[in-house]
Amino acid sequence: MIRSAKTLIVAALAGALAATGGLAHAADPDPWQPCPAGDVPLECARVTVPVDWSKPTGDTLVLKVARLRATGTRLGSVVVDPGGPGIPGTQFLAAAGTRFAALRSSYDVVAWDPRGVGGSAPISCPGPRPDSGVPVTVVERERFERETAAWAGRCRRAVGPLFDHVDTISNARDLDRLRQVLGEPRLTYYGGFYGTRIGQFYADVFPRRTGRMVLDAVVDTTSENGPFVDGATRAKEDAFTGYLHTCAARPACPLKGMSLAQVRAWLIPRIAAEPAVGGEIVGNLTSPADWPAIDAHLSKVRAGTYRPPADDNSGDVLNTDVNCLDLPDHRTAAQVVADSRRAAARYPLFGRLMTATTVCNRWPAPATYHPHRITAPTPILLVGTRHDTATPYDWAVRTAANLGQGRLLTRDGTGHGAYGTSPCVTDAVNRFLVTGALPRPGTVCTG
């Protein structure tokens, strides 16, 4: 919900916020109300924030927030973000709250729907993104840019001012407002994937308000769009190799007996002819638990029965918008084509597909972030998985070094994010958040 500054009426559930952003007075009503999700005893609140933080008395929006109360001696609140961009944190908490069972013995666990997502003024486009294919030549890339820029412009006009302000710096400022509402002098935080970008930006903007922070599946915040996409593509190519290595153990895998070279020779022409073939593989290259979905997909491709899904993709604007606001891209069409050719040589399956279809160099809203090294005055625990399927392990290594106070915990395995799936990582994260004790330097969790 977005409200005009001229007609703003503060909702009762947002009563914890004063107009200046301070804490609620003792006489203010409790903003938390029961909102159970099945047998999950959630409580919900609404928090009002400016659409544009540089204009704090201008238009506002209301964020949806949920929490699970501590079950033991309470130390405070830990705020969690599961990733994205585009994942509603309140739905994640309702569905995955059990993974925080041990942590709840000491903390209220709080999650929110970031601006533009879920219950926090969700944004979408009035029409589908044009199907411009995967550009190969400069002429094709220029046409791709014109068509996608026109689509993005229509989205921006339909969404209004919020389109320019779903960036992660704005989300970090929202997170600090939430910290105030919770009455915490410092932020205690767990973020996964995109949530690691929010956490790093928060530490950059509010270093003295940063408490114990865990970043799992770490995003590199020092690169522009081109290197970011290159790293993500590298992770997906590595993940597919892992998928193929386990093929023999799955009865339904249609690639048994084929080498990686043979699979590439068969699959690359099919992705070129129908990009959705590759898009569905990339979408399922998240966790080994999703490998059977790739088996089913590739079985259809081999049988000639595959049909692209009927998805108008009008809802993917939030993810694209956030990344374009965060990851500036100053390349020309010719430079993007040259990068995509190099990517196709390095990452034969997905290099061109992922690199040639980036849109940020013609995005209608200007980028709000200038990539730089982020440091932190307080220890931050980073978790990196050696074969992460979306964020390369070296991003975690680099970020730990850049932070200065970063301590890297390595998981020797495959998947995207380790907390809640690796007992070793989960125990180490909980121990740090509750006691402040970091794992020893060089600690590796197996499995």
Protein backbone atom coordinates (compact mmCIF):
# COMPACT_ATOMS: atom_id res chain seq x y z
CA MET A 1 0.00 0.00 0.00
CA ILE A 2 1.34 3.46 -0.96
CA ARG A 3 -0.12 6.54 0.64
CA SER A 4 0.02 10.18 -0.39
CA ALA A 5 1.64 12.45 2.16
CA LYS A 6 -1.38 14.78 1.93
CA THR A 7 -3.89 12.10 2.89
CA LEU A 8 -1.79 9.90 5.18
CA ILE A 9 -3.67 8.36 8.07
CA VAL A 10 -1.41 6.32 10.31
CA ALA A 11 -2.79 2.80 10.72
CA ALA A 12 -3.25 1.45 14.22
CA LEU A 13 -0.79 -1.36 13.52
CA ALA A 14 1.84 1.20 12.58
CA GLY A 15 1.44 3.01 15.88
CA ALA A 16 4.93 2.01 16.99
CA LEU A 17 6.39 4.64 14.68
CA ALA A 18 6.50 8.34 15.37
CA ALA A 19 6.50 10.65 12.34
CA THR A 20 10.19 11.34 12.91
CA GLY A 21 11.07 7.62 12.95
CA GLY A 22 11.55 7.32 16.70
CA LEU A 23 10.36 4.56 18.99
CA ALA A 24 6.82 4.26 20.27
CA HIS A 25 5.95 5.86 23.59
CA ALA A 26 4.98 3.56 26.43
CA ALA A 27 1.32 4.52 26.04
CA ASP A 28 1.17 3.52 22.36
CA PRO A 29 -0.84 0.36 21.57
CA ASP A 30 1.03 -2.87 20.91
CA PRO A 31 1.42 -3.04 17.10
CA TRP A 32 1.62 -6.84 17.09
CA GLN A 33 -1.50 -8.87 16.43
CA PRO A 34 -1.94 -12.66 16.08
CA CYS A 35 -1.84 -13.86 12.45
CA PRO A 36 -1.32 -17.63 12.71
CA ALA A 37 -0.39 -19.56 9.57
CA GLY A 38 -1.92 -22.98 10.23
CA ASP A 39 -0.27 -24.16 13.42
CA VAL A 40 2.56 -21.59 13.18
CA PRO A 41 1.90 -18.98 15.92
CA LEU A 42 2.88 -15.89 13.96
CA GLU A 43 2.24 -12.33 15.05
CA CYS A 44 2.07 -9.54 12.46
CA ALA A 45 2.57 -5.79 12.41
CA ARG A 46 2.64 -2.96 9.88
CA VAL A 47 5.49 -0.48 9.69
CA THR A 48 5.27 2.77 7.74
CA VAL A 49 8.34 4.02 5.85
CA PRO A 50 8.97 6.73 3.22
CA VAL A 51 8.84 5.70 -0.43
CA ASP A 52 11.89 7.92 -0.96
CA TRP A 53 14.15 8.09 2.08
CA SER A 54 15.59 11.40 0.85
CA LYS A 55 12.07 12.84 1.27
CA PRO A 56 11.02 11.52 4.69
CA THR A 57 7.84 13.66 4.79
CA GLY A 58 6.73 12.58 1.31
CA ASP A 59 4.69 9.59 0.17
CA THR A 60 4.85 6.49 2.35
CA LEU A 61 4.34 2.76 2.08
CA VAL A 62 3.46 0.14 4.65
CA LEU A 63 5.68 -2.91 5.23
CA LYS A 64 4.26 -6.22 6.40
CA VAL A 65 6.23 -7.76 9.29
CA ALA A 66 5.86 -11.09 11.11
CA ARG A 67 7.53 -12.67 14.11
CA LEU A 68 7.76 -15.88 16.08
CA ARG A 69 8.18 -15.19 19.78
CA ALA A 70 11.09 -16.62 21.74
CA THR A 71 10.30 -19.82 23.58
CA GLY A 72 12.96 -19.43 26.30
CA THR A 73 14.91 -16.68 28.01
CA ARG A 74 14.72 -13.87 25.48
CA LEU A 75 17.87 -12.02 24.39
CA GLY A 76 16.11 -9.82 21.86
CA SER A 77 15.06 -10.05 18.20
CA VAL A 78 16.90 -11.51 15.23
CA VAL A 79 15.67 -10.28 11.83
CA VAL A 80 15.93 -12.71 8.91
CA ASP A 81 15.75 -12.30 5.15
CA PRO A 82 15.60 -15.46 2.99
CA GLY A 83 16.84 -13.95 -0.27
CA GLY A 84 15.37 -13.07 -3.62
CA PRO A 85 14.96 -10.30 -4.63
CA GLY A 86 11.25 -10.91 -4.52
CA ILE A 87 10.72 -13.46 -1.72
CA PRO A 88 8.17 -12.37 0.93
CA GLY A 89 9.89 -12.86 4.28
CA THR A 90 6.61 -13.30 6.15
CA GLN A 91 5.62 -16.25 3.95
CA PHE A 92 9.07 -17.74 4.38
CA LEU A 93 8.76 -17.48 8.17
CA ALA A 94 5.36 -19.18 8.07
CA ALA A 95 6.67 -22.02 5.90
CA ALA A 96 10.20 -22.46 7.27
CA GLY A 97 9.93 -21.29 10.86
CA THR A 98 10.89 -24.71 12.19
CA ARG A 99 14.48 -24.24 11.02
CA PHE A 100 14.77 -21.51 13.67
CA ALA A 101 13.50 -23.72 16.49
CA ALA A 102 16.81 -23.75 18.37
CA LEU A 103 17.37 -20.04 17.82
CA ARG A 104 13.91 -19.25 19.19
CA SER A 105 15.01 -20.45 22.60
CA SER A 106 16.85 -17.12 22.81
CA TYR A 107 15.34 -14.77 20.21
CA ASP A 108 12.14 -13.55 18.70
CA VAL A 109 12.57 -14.38 14.99
CA VAL A 110 11.32 -11.54 12.79
CA ALA A 111 10.90 -11.33 9.01
CA TRP A 112 9.41 -8.73 6.69
CA ASP A 113 8.26 -8.40 3.11
CA PRO A 114 10.74 -6.00 1.48
CA ARG A 115 9.28 -3.00 -0.32
CA GLY A 116 7.57 -3.96 -3.55
CA VAL A 117 7.12 -7.58 -2.43
CA GLY A 118 4.26 -9.65 -0.97
CA GLY A 119 2.29 -7.57 1.52
CA SER A 120 4.51 -4.48 1.17
CA ALA A 121 3.09 -2.59 -1.83
CA PRO A 122 3.90 -5.31 -4.41
CA ILE A 123 4.86 -4.10 -7.86
CA SER A 124 4.24 -5.78 -11.20
CA CYS A 125 3.97 -4.86 -14.87
CA PRO A 126 0.75 -4.34 -16.82
CA GLY A 127 1.97 -6.62 -19.60
CA PRO A 128 4.52 -9.34 -20.37
CA ARG A 129 8.17 -8.72 -21.07
CA PRO A 130 8.75 -9.01 -24.83
CA ASP A 131 10.09 -12.31 -26.09
CA SER A 132 13.08 -10.90 -27.94
CA GLY A 133 15.08 -14.10 -27.96
CA VAL A 134 18.78 -14.36 -27.12
CA PRO A 135 20.76 -11.75 -29.07
CA VAL A 136 23.80 -12.99 -30.99
CA THR A 137 24.70 -9.99 -33.15
CA VAL A 138 24.94 -6.30 -32.26
CA VAL A 139 21.86 -5.58 -34.41
CA GLU A 140 19.87 -8.21 -32.49
CA ARG A 141 21.11 -6.82 -29.17
CA GLU A 142 20.10 -3.26 -30.13
CA ARG A 143 16.60 -4.48 -31.01
CA PHE A 144 16.48 -6.45 -27.75
CA GLU A 145 17.43 -3.30 -25.82
CA ARG A 146 14.79 -1.13 -27.54
CA GLU A 147 12.01 -3.63 -26.86
CA THR A 148 12.94 -4.35 -23.24
CA ALA A 149 13.52 -0.64 -22.51
CA ALA A 150 10.04 0.15 -23.81
CA TRP A 151 8.61 -2.60 -21.59
CA ALA A 152 10.49 -1.31 -18.56
CA GLY A 153 9.29 2.23 -19.28
CA ARG A 154 5.68 1.05 -19.30
CA CYS A 155 6.29 -0.75 -16.01
CA ARG A 156 7.77 2.39 -14.46
CA ARG A 157 4.80 4.53 -15.49
CA ALA A 158 2.36 1.94 -14.15
CA VAL A 159 4.14 1.43 -10.81
CA GLY A 160 4.88 5.09 -10.10
CA PRO A 161 7.56 6.49 -7.76
CA LEU A 162 8.18 3.19 -5.96
CA PHE A 163 9.75 1.80 -9.15
CA ASP A 164 12.82 3.96 -8.54
CA HIS A 165 13.02 3.08 -4.83
CA VAL A 166 13.00 -0.71 -4.42
CA ASP A 167 16.80 -0.62 -4.29
CA THR A 168 18.74 -2.31 -1.50
CA ILE A 169 19.92 0.91 0.13
CA SER A 170 16.24 1.78 0.65
CA ASN A 171 15.65 -1.73 2.01
CA ALA A 172 18.56 -1.28 4.42
CA ARG A 173 17.00 1.95 5.68
CA ASP A 174 13.66 0.13 6.07
CA LEU A 175 15.51 -2.50 8.08
CA ASP A 176 16.85 0.15 10.42
CA ARG A 177 13.33 1.49 10.91
CA LEU A 178 12.29 -2.05 11.83
CA ARG A 179 15.18 -2.24 14.30
CA GLN A 180 13.80 0.89 15.97
CA VAL A 181 10.30 -0.58 16.16
CA LEU A 182 11.71 -3.70 17.78
CA GLY A 183 13.48 -1.56 20.36
CA GLU A 184 16.91 -3.02 19.61
CA PRO A 185 19.98 -0.79 20.08
CA ARG A 186 21.80 -2.89 17.45
CA LEU A 187 20.57 -5.10 14.64
CA THR A 188 20.94 -8.87 15.03
CA TYR A 189 20.48 -10.34 11.55
CA TYR A 190 20.59 -13.44 9.35
CA GLY A 191 20.46 -13.00 5.57
CA GLY A 192 20.64 -15.54 2.75
CA PHE A 193 21.70 -14.76 -0.86
CA TYR A 194 20.04 -11.41 -1.66
CA GLY A 195 19.64 -10.97 2.08
CA THR A 196 23.45 -10.90 2.27
CA ARG A 197 23.39 -7.79 0.06
CA ILE A 198 20.87 -6.17 2.39
CA GLY A 199 23.08 -7.06 5.36
CA GLN A 200 26.23 -5.66 3.77
CA PHE A 201 24.49 -2.45 2.76
CA TYR A 202 23.13 -2.10 6.29
CA ALA A 203 26.62 -2.50 7.76
CA ASP A 204 27.87 0.10 5.29
CA VAL A 205 25.17 2.69 6.05
CA PHE A 206 24.71 1.94 9.77
CA PRO A 207 28.05 0.54 11.00
CA ARG A 208 27.50 1.57 14.63
CA ARG A 209 24.05 -0.03 14.72
CA THR A 210 25.26 -3.38 13.36
CA GLY A 211 25.26 -6.17 15.91
CA ARG A 212 25.74 -9.89 15.32
CA MET A 213 25.24 -10.56 11.64
CA VAL A 214 25.32 -13.77 9.57
CA LEU A 215 25.54 -13.75 5.77
CA ASP A 216 24.89 -17.11 4.07
CA ALA A 217 25.51 -17.63 0.29
CA VAL A 218 27.26 -14.31 -0.03
CA VAL A 219 26.71 -11.81 -2.84
CA ASP A 220 29.67 -9.74 -4.03
CA THR A 221 28.89 -6.03 -3.66
CA THR A 222 32.07 -4.76 -5.32
CA SER A 223 31.09 -5.52 -8.93
CA GLU A 224 28.88 -3.95 -11.56
CA ASN A 225 26.28 -5.88 -13.54
CA GLY A 226 28.61 -7.57 -16.03
CA PRO A 227 30.91 -9.29 -13.50
CA PHE A 228 27.92 -10.11 -11.28
CA VAL A 229 26.14 -11.97 -14.11
CA ASP A 230 29.41 -13.67 -15.06
CA GLY A 231 29.79 -15.04 -11.52
CA ALA A 232 26.19 -16.21 -11.37
CA THR A 233 26.61 -17.95 -14.73
CA ARG A 234 29.78 -19.66 -13.53
CA ALA A 235 27.88 -20.98 -10.50
CA LYS A 236 25.10 -22.41 -12.68
CA GLU A 237 27.54 -24.10 -15.05
CA ASP A 238 29.32 -25.69 -12.09
CA ALA A 239 25.96 -26.75 -10.63
CA PHE A 240 25.00 -28.52 -13.86
CA THR A 241 28.27 -30.46 -13.74
CA GLY A 242 27.31 -31.55 -10.23
CA TYR A 243 23.87 -32.55 -11.48
CA LEU A 244 25.38 -34.68 -14.25
CA HIS A 245 27.83 -36.37 -11.87
CA THR A 246 24.89 -37.71 -9.84
CA CYS A 247 22.87 -38.82 -12.87
CA ALA A 248 23.72 -42.52 -12.53
CA ALA A 249 22.20 -42.58 -9.04
CA ARG A 250 18.76 -41.44 -10.26
CA PRO A 251 16.65 -43.95 -12.23
CA ALA A 252 14.81 -41.19 -14.12
CA CYS A 253 17.89 -39.27 -15.31
CA PRO A 254 17.80 -39.25 -19.13
CA LEU A 255 21.53 -38.52 -19.53
CA LYS A 256 22.97 -41.79 -18.19
CA GLY A 257 26.19 -42.84 -19.87
CA MET A 258 26.80 -39.43 -21.45
CA SER A 259 29.91 -37.40 -20.78
CA LEU A 260 29.75 -33.66 -20.17
CA ALA A 261 31.06 -33.05 -23.69
CA GLN A 262 28.35 -35.28 -25.16
CA VAL A 263 25.64 -33.55 -23.13
CA ARG A 264 26.84 -30.15 -24.27
CA ALA A 265 26.92 -31.24 -27.91
CA TRP A 266 23.30 -32.40 -27.62
CA LEU A 267 21.92 -29.65 -25.41
CA ILE A 268 23.54 -26.44 -26.68
CA PRO A 269 21.67 -26.47 -30.06
CA ARG A 270 18.38 -27.11 -28.27
CA ILE A 271 18.88 -24.17 -25.92
CA ALA A 272 19.79 -22.00 -28.92
CA ALA A 273 16.60 -23.07 -30.71
CA GLU A 274 14.38 -22.67 -27.63
CA PRO A 275 15.91 -20.57 -24.79
CA ALA A 276 13.20 -21.75 -22.38
CA VAL A 277 14.88 -25.18 -22.41
CA GLY A 278 17.93 -23.62 -20.76
CA GLY A 279 15.87 -21.25 -18.64
CA GLU A 280 14.05 -24.11 -16.93
CA ILE A 281 17.32 -25.90 -16.20
CA VAL A 282 18.82 -22.74 -14.68
CA GLY A 283 15.68 -22.21 -12.60
CA ASN A 284 15.98 -25.69 -11.08
CA LEU A 285 19.74 -25.62 -10.51
CA THR A 286 19.29 -24.52 -6.92
CA SER A 287 19.62 -27.63 -4.78
CA PRO A 288 20.23 -31.35 -5.31
CA ALA A 289 16.66 -31.77 -4.13
CA ASP A 290 15.63 -30.20 -7.45
CA TRP A 291 17.67 -32.52 -9.66
CA PRO A 292 14.65 -34.82 -10.30
CA ALA A 293 12.78 -31.82 -11.74
CA ILE A 294 15.63 -31.38 -14.23
CA ASP A 295 15.44 -35.10 -15.02
CA ALA A 296 11.75 -34.73 -15.88
CA HIS A 297 12.35 -31.60 -17.94
CA LEU A 298 15.21 -33.08 -19.98
CA SER A 299 13.24 -36.30 -20.52
CA LYS A 300 10.60 -34.21 -22.32
CA VAL A 301 13.30 -32.45 -24.33
CA ARG A 302 14.81 -35.79 -25.40
CA ALA A 303 11.38 -37.18 -26.30
CA GLY A 304 10.50 -34.09 -28.31
CA THR A 305 7.44 -33.40 -26.14
CA TYR A 306 8.71 -30.28 -24.35
CA ARG A 307 6.60 -27.13 -24.64
CA PRO A 308 7.63 -23.80 -23.05
CA PRO A 309 5.49 -22.81 -20.06
CA ALA A 310 2.74 -20.27 -20.60
CA ASP A 311 4.21 -17.62 -18.30
CA ASP A 312 3.80 -13.94 -19.15
CA ASN A 313 6.68 -13.11 -16.73
CA SER A 314 5.07 -9.75 -15.92
CA GLY A 315 5.89 -10.33 -12.24
CA ASP A 316 9.65 -10.61 -12.67
CA VAL A 317 10.04 -6.84 -12.83
CA LEU A 318 10.78 -6.59 -9.07
CA ASN A 319 13.81 -8.88 -9.28
CA THR A 320 15.09 -7.10 -12.38
CA ASP A 321 14.38 -3.65 -10.97
CA VAL A 322 16.26 -4.28 -7.73
CA ASN A 323 19.29 -5.70 -9.52
CA CYS A 324 19.42 -2.85 -12.04
CA LEU A 325 19.20 -0.25 -9.26
CA ASP A 326 21.97 -2.04 -7.33
CA LEU A 327 24.24 -3.14 -10.20
CA PRO A 328 25.04 -0.31 -12.61
CA ASP A 329 25.71 -1.31 -16.20
CA HIS A 330 27.34 1.21 -18.53
CA ARG A 331 28.07 -1.15 -21.44
CA THR A 332 27.06 -0.58 -25.04
CA ALA A 333 25.21 -3.20 -27.07
CA ALA A 334 28.51 -4.13 -28.74
CA GLN A 335 30.20 -4.62 -25.38
CA VAL A 336 27.38 -6.85 -24.13
CA VAL A 337 27.61 -8.97 -27.29
CA ALA A 338 31.38 -9.27 -26.89
CA ASP A 339 30.95 -10.30 -23.24
CA SER A 340 28.31 -12.86 -24.21
CA ARG A 341 30.64 -14.42 -26.78
CA ARG A 342 33.37 -14.78 -24.17
CA ALA A 343 30.83 -16.20 -21.71
CA ALA A 344 29.65 -18.74 -24.30
CA ALA A 345 33.24 -19.97 -24.61
CA ARG A 346 33.76 -20.21 -20.83
CA TYR A 347 30.29 -21.50 -19.93
CA PRO A 348 29.02 -23.36 -23.03
CA LEU A 349 25.56 -24.24 -21.75
CA PHE A 350 24.37 -21.02 -20.13
CA GLY A 351 26.95 -18.35 -20.97
CA ARG A 352 25.19 -16.70 -23.88
CA LEU A 353 21.71 -17.31 -22.46
CA MET A 354 22.44 -15.47 -19.21
CA THR A 355 24.87 -12.82 -20.43
CA ALA A 356 23.25 -11.65 -23.67
CA THR A 357 19.82 -11.09 -22.08
CA THR A 358 20.79 -8.61 -19.35
CA VAL A 359 18.72 -5.42 -19.44
CA CYS A 360 20.30 -3.01 -16.95
CA ASN A 361 22.27 -0.90 -19.43
CA ARG A 362 18.96 0.55 -20.72
CA TRP A 363 16.97 0.50 -17.47
CA PRO A 364 14.79 3.63 -17.12
CA ALA A 365 15.56 4.18 -13.42
CA PRO A 366 19.11 5.23 -12.56
CA ALA A 367 21.26 2.97 -10.39
CA THR A 368 21.42 4.08 -6.75
CA TYR A 369 24.54 2.18 -5.69
CA HIS A 370 28.17 2.61 -6.67
CA PRO A 371 30.01 -0.69 -6.06
CA HIS A 372 32.77 -0.43 -3.50
CA ARG A 373 34.49 -2.38 -0.77
CA ILE A 374 32.31 -2.56 2.34
CA THR A 375 34.00 -2.83 5.73
CA ALA A 376 32.51 -3.49 9.14
CA PRO A 377 33.60 -2.47 12.65
CA THR A 378 32.07 -5.57 14.21
CA PRO A 379 32.62 -9.30 13.47
CA ILE A 380 30.35 -10.72 10.76
CA LEU A 381 30.01 -14.47 10.13
CA LEU A 382 29.94 -15.44 6.45
CA VAL A 383 28.92 -18.89 5.23
CA GLY A 384 30.19 -20.01 1.83
CA THR A 385 29.33 -23.31 0.10
CA ARG A 386 32.12 -24.55 -2.17
CA HIS A 387 29.69 -25.56 -4.91
CA ASP A 388 27.00 -22.97 -4.33
CA THR A 389 24.51 -23.14 -7.18
CA ALA A 390 23.95 -19.37 -7.47
CA THR A 391 26.65 -17.41 -5.65
CA PRO A 392 30.23 -18.56 -6.28
CA TYR A 393 32.27 -19.53 -3.24
CA ASP A 394 34.97 -16.99 -4.09
CA TRP A 395 32.42 -14.20 -3.51
CA ALA A 396 32.25 -15.28 0.13
CA VAL A 397 36.04 -15.46 0.35
CA ARG A 398 36.43 -11.98 -1.14
CA THR A 399 33.73 -10.46 1.01
CA ALA A 400 35.23 -11.88 4.21
CA ALA A 401 38.56 -10.29 3.30
CA ASN A 402 36.94 -6.97 2.37
CA LEU A 403 34.91 -6.70 5.57
CA GLY A 404 38.04 -6.84 7.67
CA GLN A 405 36.01 -8.21 10.57
CA GLY A 406 34.56 -11.07 8.47
CA ARG A 407 35.00 -14.71 9.53
CA LEU A 408 34.36 -17.30 6.82
CA LEU A 409 32.73 -20.64 7.62
CA THR A 410 33.03 -23.04 4.66
CA ARG A 411 30.57 -25.77 3.78
CA ASP A 412 32.07 -28.44 1.53
CA GLY A 413 28.98 -29.36 -0.44
CA THR A 414 26.42 -28.32 -3.06
CA GLY A 415 23.36 -26.13 -2.72
CA HIS A 416 22.34 -22.53 -2.19
CA GLY A 417 22.56 -21.56 1.46
CA ALA A 418 23.61 -23.86 4.29
CA TYR A 419 21.78 -22.76 7.44
CA GLY A 420 19.00 -25.18 8.25
CA THR A 421 20.34 -27.85 5.88
CA SER A 422 23.81 -28.46 7.36
CA PRO A 423 23.71 -29.27 11.11
CA CYS A 424 27.34 -28.18 11.43
CA VAL A 425 26.61 -24.76 9.90
CA THR A 426 23.32 -24.38 11.78
CA ASP A 427 24.98 -25.04 15.13
CA ALA A 428 27.81 -22.60 14.38
CA VAL A 429 25.40 -19.86 13.29
CA ASN A 430 23.19 -20.31 16.35
CA ARG A 431 26.21 -20.31 18.65
CA PHE A 432 27.47 -17.05 17.17
CA LEU A 433 24.09 -15.30 17.30
CA VAL A 434 23.45 -16.37 20.90
CA THR A 435 26.94 -16.10 22.43
CA GLY A 436 29.01 -14.10 19.94
CA ALA A 437 31.52 -16.97 19.61
CA LEU A 438 32.87 -17.27 16.07
CA PRO A 439 34.02 -20.59 14.60
CA ARG A 440 37.77 -21.02 14.41
CA PRO A 441 39.46 -19.60 11.29
CA GLY A 442 39.46 -22.14 8.47
CA THR A 443 36.57 -24.20 9.86
CA VAL A 444 34.99 -26.46 7.21
CA CYS A 445 31.65 -28.22 7.55
CA THR A 446 31.29 -31.34 5.40
CA GLY A 447 28.20 -32.73 3.71
